[in-house]
């Protein structure tokens, strides 16, 4: 089953809480800001079977981890 990330985000997520330490102009800052727009969970829906198994790690999160 396809896992989803919350569109709302959170105040204490690492991409929000540590943004000042990473820097806005770095690759990591750009990935924190734009990663949710570049990699959406819906783009990977065809790779998962609905109603079968437990929810996966969101594919958008896996793509960001692969780039890191």
PDB file of N, CA and C in Angstrom:
ATOM      1  N   UNK A   1       0.844  -1.182   0.000  1.00  0.00           N
ATOM      2  CA  UNK A   1       0.000   0.000   0.000  1.00  0.00           C
ATOM      3  C   UNK A   1       0.886   1.240   0.000  1.00  0.00           C
ATOM      4  N   UNK A   2       0.449   2.238  -0.682  1.00  0.00           N
ATOM      5  CA  UNK A   2       1.218   3.467  -0.823  1.00  0.00           C
ATOM      6  C   UNK A   2       1.107   4.313   0.438  1.00  0.00           C
ATOM      7  N   UNK A   3       2.235   4.663   1.024  1.00  0.00           N
ATOM      8  CA  UNK A   3       2.266   5.560   2.169  1.00  0.00           C
ATOM      9  C   UNK A   3       2.252   7.006   1.703  1.00  0.00           C
ATOM     10  N   UNK A   4       1.728   7.900   2.520  1.00  0.00           N
ATOM     11  CA  UNK A   4       1.630   9.313   2.158  1.00  0.00           C
ATOM     12  C   UNK A   4       2.240  10.170   3.243  1.00  0.00           C
ATOM     13  N   UNK A   5       2.856  11.259   2.817  1.00  0.00           N
ATOM     14  CA  UNK A   5       3.312  12.270   3.765  1.00  0.00           C
ATOM     15  C   UNK A   5       2.214  13.298   3.941  1.00  0.00           C
ATOM     16  N   UNK A   6       2.128  13.843   5.117  1.00  0.00           N
ATOM     17  CA  UNK A   6       1.152  14.883   5.382  1.00  0.00           C
ATOM     18  C   UNK A   6       1.530  16.145   4.623  1.00  0.00           C
ATOM     19  N   UNK A   7       0.583  16.730   3.938  1.00  0.00           N
ATOM     20  CA  UNK A   7       0.827  17.960   3.200  1.00  0.00           C
ATOM     21  C   UNK A   7       1.048  19.161   4.096  1.00  0.00           C
ATOM     22  N   UNK A   8       0.590  19.066   5.336  1.00  0.00           N
ATOM     23  CA  UNK A   8       0.696  20.183   6.255  1.00  0.00           C
ATOM     24  C   UNK A   8       2.103  20.326   6.818  1.00  0.00           C
ATOM     25  N   UNK A   9       2.806  19.232   6.996  1.00  0.00           N
ATOM     26  CA  UNK A   9       4.134  19.305   7.600  1.00  0.00           C
ATOM     27  C   UNK A   9       4.025  19.455   9.103  1.00  0.00           C
ATOM     28  N   UNK A  10       5.076  19.908   9.723  1.00  0.00           N
ATOM     29  CA  UNK A  10       5.065  20.072  11.160  1.00  0.00           C
ATOM     30  C   UNK A  10       6.121  21.073  11.601  1.00  0.00           C
ATOM     31  N   UNK A  11       5.913  21.635  12.752  1.00  0.00           N
ATOM     32  CA  UNK A  11       6.812  22.654  13.264  1.00  0.00           C
ATOM     33  C   UNK A  11       8.171  22.081  13.643  1.00  0.00           C
ATOM     34  N   UNK A  12       8.203  20.848  14.136  1.00  0.00           N
ATOM     35  CA  UNK A  12       9.447  20.270  14.626  1.00  0.00           C
ATOM     36  C   UNK A  12      10.075  19.273  13.657  1.00  0.00           C
ATOM     37  N   UNK A  13       9.668  19.298  12.397  1.00  0.00           N
ATOM     38  CA  UNK A  13      10.306  18.452  11.388  1.00  0.00           C
ATOM     39  C   UNK A  13      11.729  18.949  11.159  1.00  0.00           C
ATOM     40  N   UNK A  14      12.668  18.056  10.883  1.00  0.00           N
ATOM     41  CA  UNK A  14      14.054  18.494  10.693  1.00  0.00           C
ATOM     42  C   UNK A  14      14.227  19.506   9.563  1.00  0.00           C
ATOM     43  N   UNK A  15      13.471  19.370   8.472  1.00  0.00           N
ATOM     44  CA  UNK A  15      13.635  20.325   7.373  1.00  0.00           C
ATOM     45  C   UNK A  15      13.166  21.722   7.759  1.00  0.00           C
ATOM     46  N   UNK A  16      12.327  21.829   8.772  1.00  0.00           N
ATOM     47  CA  UNK A  16      11.883  23.145   9.220  1.00  0.00           C
ATOM     48  C   UNK A  16      12.745  23.641  10.382  1.00  0.00           C
ATOM     49  N   UNK A  17      13.000  22.783  11.348  1.00  0.00           N
ATOM     50  CA  UNK A  17      13.704  23.180  12.562  1.00  0.00           C
ATOM     51  C   UNK A  17      15.183  23.488  12.316  1.00  0.00           C
ATOM     52  N   UNK A  18      15.819  22.787  11.377  1.00  0.00           N
ATOM     53  CA  UNK A  18      17.260  22.952  11.163  1.00  0.00           C
ATOM     54  C   UNK A  18      17.593  23.738   9.903  1.00  0.00           C
ATOM     55  N   UNK A  19      16.636  24.416   9.342  1.00  0.00           N
ATOM     56  CA  UNK A  19      16.853  25.149   8.093  1.00  0.00           C
ATOM     57  C   UNK A  19      17.914  26.238   8.245  1.00  0.00           C
ATOM     58  N   UNK A  20      17.983  26.877   9.383  1.00  0.00           N
ATOM     59  CA  UNK A  20      18.981  27.919   9.602  1.00  0.00           C
ATOM     60  C   UNK A  20      20.400  27.383   9.680  1.00  0.00           C
ATOM     61  N   UNK A  21      20.567  26.156  10.116  1.00  0.00           N
ATOM     62  CA  UNK A  21      21.894  25.563  10.231  1.00  0.00           C
ATOM     63  C   UNK A  21      22.430  25.093   8.880  1.00  0.00           C
ATOM     64  N   UNK A  22      21.553  24.700   7.988  1.00  0.00           N
ATOM     65  CA  UNK A  22      21.962  24.163   6.693  1.00  0.00           C
ATOM     66  C   UNK A  22      22.296  25.284   5.726  1.00  0.00           C
ATOM     67  N   UNK A  23      21.496  26.308   5.705  1.00  0.00           N
ATOM     68  CA  UNK A  23      21.721  27.424   4.787  1.00  0.00           C
ATOM     69  C   UNK A  23      20.740  27.378   3.635  1.00  0.00           C
ATOM     70  N   UNK A  24      20.255  28.544   3.262  1.00  0.00           N
ATOM     71  CA  UNK A  24      19.249  28.632   2.207  1.00  0.00           C
ATOM     72  C   UNK A  24      19.840  28.380   0.826  1.00  0.00           C
ATOM     73  N   UNK A  25      21.078  28.801   0.589  1.00  0.00           N
ATOM     74  CA  UNK A  25      21.655  28.706  -0.734  1.00  0.00           C
ATOM     75  C   UNK A  25      22.312  27.374  -1.052  1.00  0.00           C
ATOM     76  N   UNK A  26      22.298  26.432  -0.135  1.00  0.00           N
ATOM     77  CA  UNK A  26      22.944  25.149  -0.373  1.00  0.00           C
ATOM     78  C   UNK A  26      21.995  24.178  -1.060  1.00  0.00           C
ATOM     79  N   UNK A  27      22.553  23.090  -1.560  1.00  0.00           N
ATOM     80  CA  UNK A  27      21.745  22.037  -2.169  1.00  0.00           C
ATOM     81  C   UNK A  27      20.756  21.467  -1.156  1.00  0.00           C
ATOM     82  N   UNK A  28      21.179  21.316   0.081  1.00  0.00           N
ATOM     83  CA  UNK A  28      20.327  20.751   1.116  1.00  0.00           C
ATOM     84  C   UNK A  28      19.171  21.683   1.465  1.00  0.00           C
ATOM     85  N   UNK A  29      19.435  22.974   1.479  1.00  0.00           N
ATOM     86  CA  UNK A  29      18.357  23.935   1.711  1.00  0.00           C
ATOM     87  C   UNK A  29      17.345  23.935   0.579  1.00  0.00           C
ATOM     88  N   UNK A  30      17.842  23.850  -0.651  1.00  0.00           N
ATOM     89  CA  UNK A  30      16.959  23.778  -1.813  1.00  0.00           C
ATOM     90  C   UNK A  30      16.125  22.501  -1.791  1.00  0.00           C
ATOM     91  N   UNK A  31      16.733  21.392  -1.421  1.00  0.00           N
ATOM     92  CA  UNK A  31      16.013  20.126  -1.339  1.00  0.00           C
ATOM     93  C   UNK A  31      14.950  20.154  -0.233  1.00  0.00           C
ATOM     94  N   UNK A  32      15.251  20.819   0.873  1.00  0.00           N
ATOM     95  CA  UNK A  32      14.263  20.939   1.956  1.00  0.00           C
ATOM     96  C   UNK A  32      13.065  21.774   1.520  1.00  0.00           C
ATOM     97  N   UNK A  33      13.305  22.807   0.740  1.00  0.00           N
ATOM     98  CA  UNK A  33      12.215  23.679   0.300  1.00  0.00           C
ATOM     99  C   UNK A  33      11.414  23.091  -0.857  1.00  0.00           C
ATOM    100  N   UNK A  34      12.082  22.515  -1.831  1.00  0.00           N
ATOM    101  CA  UNK A  34      11.434  22.100  -3.064  1.00  0.00           C
ATOM    102  C   UNK A  34      11.199  20.597  -3.190  1.00  0.00           C
ATOM    103  N   UNK A  35      11.713  19.811  -2.253  1.00  0.00           N
ATOM    104  CA  UNK A  35      11.615  18.357  -2.367  1.00  0.00           C
ATOM    105  C   UNK A  35      10.193  17.835  -2.454  1.00  0.00           C
ATOM    106  N   UNK A  36       9.270  18.444  -1.750  1.00  0.00           N
ATOM    107  CA  UNK A  36       7.867  17.995  -1.789  1.00  0.00           C
ATOM    108  C   UNK A  36       7.199  18.326  -3.114  1.00  0.00           C
ATOM    109  N   UNK A  37       7.689  19.339  -3.795  1.00  0.00           N
ATOM    110  CA  UNK A  37       7.132  19.687  -5.106  1.00  0.00           C
ATOM    111  C   UNK A  37       7.719  18.803  -6.200  1.00  0.00           C
ATOM    112  N   UNK A  38       8.995  18.467  -6.077  1.00  0.00           N
ATOM    113  CA  UNK A  38       9.667  17.643  -7.083  1.00  0.00           C
ATOM    114  C   UNK A  38       9.227  16.197  -7.029  1.00  0.00           C
ATOM    115  N   UNK A  39       9.077  15.653  -5.822  1.00  0.00           N
ATOM    116  CA  UNK A  39       8.738  14.240  -5.638  1.00  0.00           C
ATOM    117  C   UNK A  39       7.412  14.146  -4.895  1.00  0.00           C
ATOM    118  N   UNK A  40       6.367  13.789  -5.614  1.00  0.00           N
ATOM    119  CA  UNK A  40       5.043  13.656  -5.002  1.00  0.00           C
ATOM    120  C   UNK A  40       4.710  12.175  -4.881  1.00  0.00           C
ATOM    121  N   UNK A  41       3.997  11.814  -3.854  1.00  0.00           N
ATOM    122  CA  UNK A  41       3.613  10.417  -3.640  1.00  0.00           C
ATOM    123  C   UNK A  41       2.704   9.910  -4.751  1.00  0.00           C
ATOM    124  N   UNK A  42       1.891  10.779  -5.323  1.00  0.00           N
ATOM    125  CA  UNK A  42       0.957  10.379  -6.377  1.00  0.00           C
ATOM    126  C   UNK A  42       1.689   9.928  -7.645  1.00  0.00           C
ATOM    127  N   UNK A  43       2.897  10.434  -7.856  1.00  0.00           N
ATOM    128  CA  UNK A  43       3.663  10.048  -9.041  1.00  0.00           C
ATOM    129  C   UNK A  43       4.084   8.580  -9.007  1.00  0.00           C
ATOM    130  N   UNK A  44       4.107   7.988  -7.835  1.00  0.00           N
ATOM    131  CA  UNK A  44       4.559   6.611  -7.667  1.00  0.00           C
ATOM    132  C   UNK A  44       3.414   5.647  -7.380  1.00  0.00           C
ATOM    133  N   UNK A  45       2.178   6.099  -7.501  1.00  0.00           N
ATOM    134  CA  UNK A  45       1.016   5.275  -7.151  1.00  0.00           C
ATOM    135  C   UNK A  45       0.903   4.015  -8.007  1.00  0.00           C
ATOM    136  N   UNK A  46       1.343   4.075  -9.254  1.00  0.00           N
ATOM    137  CA  UNK A  46       1.238   2.907 -10.140  1.00  0.00           C
ATOM    138  C   UNK A  46       2.162   1.762  -9.718  1.00  0.00           C
ATOM    139  N   UNK A  47       3.138   2.062  -8.882  1.00  0.00           N
ATOM    140  CA  UNK A  47       4.085   1.039  -8.434  1.00  0.00           C
ATOM    141  C   UNK A  47       3.601   0.270  -7.210  1.00  0.00           C
ATOM    142  N   UNK A  48       2.496   0.700  -6.617  1.00  0.00           N
ATOM    143  CA  UNK A  48       1.988   0.093  -5.398  1.00  0.00           C
ATOM    144  C   UNK A  48       0.592  -0.479  -5.627  1.00  0.00           C
ATOM    145  N   UNK A  49       0.287  -1.542  -4.929  1.00  0.00           N
ATOM    146  CA  UNK A  49      -1.021  -2.174  -5.024  1.00  0.00           C
ATOM    147  C   UNK A  49      -1.895  -1.711  -3.865  1.00  0.00           C
ATOM    148  N   UNK A  50      -3.036  -1.163  -4.183  1.00  0.00           N
ATOM    149  CA  UNK A  50      -3.933  -0.609  -3.163  1.00  0.00           C
ATOM    150  C   UNK A  50      -4.607  -1.719  -2.375  1.00  0.00           C
ATOM    151  N   UNK A  51      -4.658  -1.551  -1.063  1.00  0.00           N
ATOM    152  CA  UNK A  51      -5.346  -2.505  -0.202  1.00  0.00           C
ATOM    153  C   UNK A  51      -4.584  -3.797   0.040  1.00  0.00           C
ATOM    154  N   UNK A  52      -3.303  -3.830  -0.283  1.00  0.00           N
ATOM    155  CA  UNK A  52      -2.514  -5.047  -0.121  1.00  0.00           C
ATOM    156  C   UNK A  52      -1.309  -4.721   0.762  1.00  0.00           C
ATOM    157  N   UNK A  53      -1.284  -5.294   1.942  1.00  0.00           N
ATOM    158  CA  UNK A  53      -0.164  -5.068   2.849  1.00  0.00           C
ATOM    159  C   UNK A  53      -0.337  -3.825   3.689  1.00  0.00           C
ATOM    160  N   UNK A  54       0.719  -3.495   4.363  1.00  0.00           N
ATOM    161  CA  UNK A  54       0.678  -2.304   5.218  1.00  0.00           C
ATOM    162  C   UNK A  54       1.230  -1.114   4.461  1.00  0.00           C
ATOM    163  N   UNK A  55       0.934   0.107   4.907  1.00  0.00           N
ATOM    164  CA  UNK A  55       1.426   1.290   4.192  1.00  0.00           C
ATOM    165  C   UNK A  55       2.956   1.338   4.176  1.00  0.00           C
ATOM    166  N   UNK A  56       3.504   1.740   3.059  1.00  0.00           N
ATOM    167  CA  UNK A  56       4.949   1.816   2.892  1.00  0.00           C
ATOM    168  C   UNK A  56       5.487   3.139   3.423  1.00  0.00           C
ATOM    169  N   UNK A  57       6.795   3.237   3.424  1.00  0.00           N
ATOM    170  CA  UNK A  57       7.421   4.532   3.646  1.00  0.00           C
ATOM    171  C   UNK A  57       7.056   5.385   2.433  1.00  0.00           C
ATOM    172  N   UNK A  58       6.677   6.632   2.614  1.00  0.00           N
ATOM    173  CA  UNK A  58       6.284   7.446   1.474  1.00  0.00           C
ATOM    174  C   UNK A  58       7.399   7.515   0.427  1.00  0.00           C
ATOM    175  N   UNK A  59       7.089   7.254  -0.837  1.00  0.00           N
ATOM    176  CA  UNK A  59       8.116   7.277  -1.876  1.00  0.00           C
ATOM    177  C   UNK A  59       8.785   8.640  -2.036  1.00  0.00           C
ATOM    178  N   UNK A  60       8.078   9.699  -1.737  1.00  0.00           N
ATOM    179  CA  UNK A  60       8.692  11.023  -1.818  1.00  0.00           C
ATOM    180  C   UNK A  60       9.819  11.150  -0.799  1.00  0.00           C
ATOM    181  N   UNK A  61       9.627  10.578   0.361  1.00  0.00           N
ATOM    182  CA  UNK A  61      10.653  10.590   1.400  1.00  0.00           C
ATOM    183  C   UNK A  61      11.851   9.726   0.991  1.00  0.00           C
ATOM    184  N   UNK A  62      11.602   8.606   0.324  1.00  0.00           N
ATOM    185  CA  UNK A  62      12.681   7.756  -0.139  1.00  0.00           C
ATOM    186  C   UNK A  62      13.510   8.451  -1.221  1.00  0.00           C
ATOM    187  N   UNK A  63      12.883   9.218  -2.089  1.00  0.00           N
ATOM    188  CA  UNK A  63      13.609   9.931  -3.142  1.00  0.00           C
ATOM    189  C   UNK A  63      14.525  10.991  -2.544  1.00  0.00           C
ATOM    190  N   UNK A  64      14.040  11.713  -1.559  1.00  0.00           N
ATOM    191  CA  UNK A  64      14.863  12.723  -0.908  1.00  0.00           C
ATOM    192  C   UNK A  64      16.033  12.062  -0.183  1.00  0.00           C
ATOM    193  N   UNK A  65      15.796  10.949   0.486  1.00  0.00           N
ATOM    194  CA  UNK A  65      16.874  10.233   1.176  1.00  0.00           C
ATOM    195  C   UNK A  65      17.908   9.697   0.186  1.00  0.00           C
ATOM    196  N   UNK A  66      17.468   9.270  -0.982  1.00  0.00           N
ATOM    197  CA  UNK A  66      18.397   8.792  -1.996  1.00  0.00           C
ATOM    198  C   UNK A  66      19.319   9.918  -2.471  1.00  0.00           C
ATOM    199  N   UNK A  67      18.781  11.108  -2.641  1.00  0.00           N
ATOM    200  CA  UNK A  67      19.609  12.232  -3.061  1.00  0.00           C
ATOM    201  C   UNK A  67      20.575  12.687  -1.968  1.00  0.00           C
ATOM    202  N   UNK A  68      20.151  12.561  -0.725  1.00  0.00           N
ATOM    203  CA  UNK A  68      21.045  12.958   0.369  1.00  0.00           C
ATOM    204  C   UNK A  68      22.196  12.004   0.476  1.00  0.00           C
TER     205      UNK A  68
END
